[in-house]
Amino acid sequence: MGVTYKYFGAPDGATAARVPISMRPEELGGDELGMNGMFTKIKPETMAAMVLTGIEGIPLHKVPPLELVVLHPDYAVVKLPMTVVDPLRGIGEEAVGAAAFIWSTVPDRGGPRDAFNVYRLLHEWQDFSHRLHEAGHQAYCLVWP
């Protein structure tokens, strides 16, 4: 049995903490839990490292930890630092390609290794970053087995 990660946006930690309980976007004011969220098998720690190492040039061992918002026996919610989401909005095609190549060459790390898969994933995250910014939301991840 694997773990599923659902990335979504929320205006604040209190709203994000209520997400697993209600799971109804209309109760949360909104958007990201509906069709704008992202389901993936990629851990939030890996996503943070991929962006910060590939785009920001931060060494893997200096990537900041995620903030735990709520820990429940059935799920957890973590907040991704804005430093993970924001850099994606301002970069162009060339920078996404370079970041994918850089991440594919980083030794001793988890996550996708193929540069093309990383490239596609970074593009998905770039779209997600734009949606979060337009909604005035921060990035969170719901984790459950």
Protein backbone atom coordinates (compact mmCIF):
# COMPACT_ATOMS: atom_id res chain seq x y z
CA MET A 1 0.00 0.00 0.00
CA GLY A 2 1.42 3.35 -1.03
CA VAL A 3 0.87 6.84 0.24
CA THR A 4 -1.18 9.37 -1.70
CA TYR A 5 -0.41 13.07 -1.55
CA LYS A 6 -3.07 15.67 -2.31
CA TYR A 7 -1.68 19.16 -2.80
CA PHE A 8 -4.13 21.99 -2.33
CA GLY A 9 -4.30 25.68 -1.52
CA ALA A 10 -5.80 27.34 1.51
CA PRO A 11 -5.73 30.91 2.80
CA ASP A 12 -4.25 29.87 6.17
CA GLY A 13 -3.26 26.96 8.40
CA ALA A 14 -6.57 26.89 10.29
CA THR A 15 -8.50 26.39 7.05
CA ALA A 16 -5.99 23.78 5.84
CA ALA A 17 -6.32 21.87 9.14
CA ARG A 18 -10.09 21.54 8.59
CA VAL A 19 -9.72 20.19 5.05
CA PRO A 20 -9.51 16.46 5.85
CA ILE A 21 -12.49 16.65 8.19
CA SER A 22 -14.93 18.26 5.79
CA MET A 23 -13.35 17.66 2.36
CA ARG A 24 -16.00 19.98 0.97
CA PRO A 25 -14.57 22.90 -1.00
CA GLU A 26 -17.68 25.04 -0.47
CA GLU A 27 -17.13 24.91 3.31
CA LEU A 28 -13.58 26.14 2.88
CA GLY A 29 -14.29 29.15 0.74
CA GLY A 30 -13.16 27.56 -2.15
CA ASP A 31 -11.05 26.31 -4.78
CA GLU A 32 -8.07 24.06 -4.50
CA LEU A 33 -9.67 21.05 -2.92
CA GLY A 34 -11.95 20.69 -5.89
CA MET A 35 -10.56 20.08 -9.34
CA ASN A 36 -7.66 22.49 -8.99
CA GLY A 37 -5.78 20.41 -6.43
CA MET A 38 -3.15 17.89 -7.42
CA PHE A 39 -2.93 14.18 -6.56
CA THR A 40 0.53 12.64 -6.82
CA LYS A 41 2.76 9.94 -5.39
CA ILE A 42 5.63 12.44 -4.96
CA LYS A 43 6.37 13.42 -1.37
CA PRO A 44 6.16 17.10 -0.43
CA GLU A 45 9.76 16.92 0.85
CA THR A 46 10.89 15.74 -2.57
CA MET A 47 8.90 18.44 -4.33
CA ALA A 48 10.40 21.12 -2.09
CA ALA A 49 13.92 19.80 -2.70
CA MET A 50 13.34 19.56 -6.45
CA VAL A 51 12.32 23.22 -6.75
CA LEU A 52 14.82 24.67 -4.28
CA THR A 53 17.77 22.66 -5.58
CA GLY A 54 16.96 22.91 -9.30
CA ILE A 55 15.70 26.49 -9.49
CA GLU A 56 17.07 28.29 -6.46
CA GLY A 57 20.42 26.47 -6.35
CA ILE A 58 20.08 25.59 -2.67
CA PRO A 59 22.15 22.53 -1.67
CA LEU A 60 20.00 19.51 -0.87
CA HIS A 61 21.07 19.46 2.79
CA LYS A 62 19.89 23.07 3.28
CA VAL A 63 16.31 22.59 2.05
CA PRO A 64 14.04 23.76 4.93
CA PRO A 65 11.71 21.29 6.65
CA LEU A 66 7.98 21.33 6.06
CA GLU A 67 5.62 22.68 8.70
CA LEU A 68 3.22 20.13 10.20
CA VAL A 69 -0.25 21.68 10.40
CA VAL A 70 -2.19 18.73 11.80
CA LEU A 71 -1.36 15.12 12.61
CA HIS A 72 -4.29 12.73 12.88
CA PRO A 73 -4.23 8.91 13.09
CA ASP A 74 -5.73 8.74 9.57
CA TYR A 75 -3.98 11.66 7.84
CA ALA A 76 -1.58 14.57 8.16
CA VAL A 77 -1.52 18.04 6.63
CA VAL A 78 1.78 19.81 5.99
CA LYS A 79 2.50 23.31 4.70
CA LEU A 80 5.05 23.82 1.97
CA PRO A 81 7.21 26.92 2.38
CA MET A 82 6.33 29.78 0.02
CA THR A 83 9.96 29.58 -1.11
CA VAL A 84 8.93 26.34 -2.86
CA VAL A 85 5.91 27.67 -4.71
CA ASP A 86 6.86 31.27 -5.52
CA PRO A 87 10.00 30.66 -7.64
CA LEU A 88 8.00 28.61 -10.13
CA ARG A 89 5.79 31.53 -11.16
CA GLY A 90 8.57 33.74 -12.44
CA ILE A 91 10.62 31.31 -14.54
CA GLY A 92 10.46 30.57 -18.23
CA GLU A 93 10.78 27.45 -20.32
CA GLU A 94 14.57 27.48 -20.31
CA ALA A 95 14.76 27.66 -16.50
CA VAL A 96 12.26 24.80 -16.13
CA GLY A 97 14.38 22.67 -18.46
CA ALA A 98 17.57 23.56 -16.60
CA ALA A 99 15.95 22.78 -13.23
CA ALA A 100 14.79 19.39 -14.53
CA PHE A 101 18.30 18.59 -15.74
CA ILE A 102 19.89 19.75 -12.48
CA TRP A 103 17.51 17.65 -10.38
CA SER A 104 18.09 14.58 -12.57
CA THR A 105 21.83 14.80 -11.74
CA VAL A 106 21.61 15.40 -7.96
CA PRO A 107 23.10 12.37 -6.17
CA ASP A 108 21.58 10.68 -3.10
CA ARG A 109 18.02 11.88 -3.39
CA GLY A 110 14.58 10.38 -3.89
CA GLY A 111 11.94 11.12 -6.47
CA PRO A 112 11.84 10.99 -10.24
CA ARG A 113 15.20 10.65 -11.96
CA ASP A 114 14.32 11.07 -15.62
CA ALA A 115 14.81 14.70 -16.68
CA PHE A 116 11.76 14.68 -18.97
CA ASN A 117 9.47 13.43 -16.17
CA VAL A 118 10.89 16.08 -13.84
CA TYR A 119 10.31 18.69 -16.56
CA ARG A 120 6.63 17.68 -16.92
CA LEU A 121 6.18 17.65 -13.14
CA LEU A 122 7.70 21.12 -12.77
CA HIS A 123 5.29 22.41 -15.44
CA GLU A 124 2.34 20.97 -13.49
CA TRP A 125 3.67 22.67 -10.38
CA GLN A 126 4.14 25.91 -12.25
CA ASP A 127 0.45 25.89 -13.20
CA PHE A 128 -0.47 25.00 -9.61
CA SER A 129 1.70 27.88 -8.34
CA HIS A 130 -0.14 30.35 -10.59
CA ARG A 131 -3.54 29.11 -9.36
CA LEU A 132 -2.46 29.42 -5.72
CA HIS A 133 -1.15 32.93 -6.27
CA GLU A 134 -4.32 34.06 -8.05
CA ALA A 135 -6.44 32.70 -5.19
CA GLY A 136 -4.17 34.29 -2.55
CA HIS A 137 -3.51 30.85 -1.08
CA GLN A 138 -0.53 28.99 0.32
CA ALA A 139 0.44 25.43 -0.62
CA TYR A 140 -0.50 22.52 1.65
CA CYS A 141 -0.33 18.79 1.28
CA LEU A 142 -2.79 16.23 2.65
CA VAL A 143 -1.10 12.87 3.25
CA TRP A 144 -2.94 9.65 3.90
CA PRO A 145 -2.21 5.93 3.45
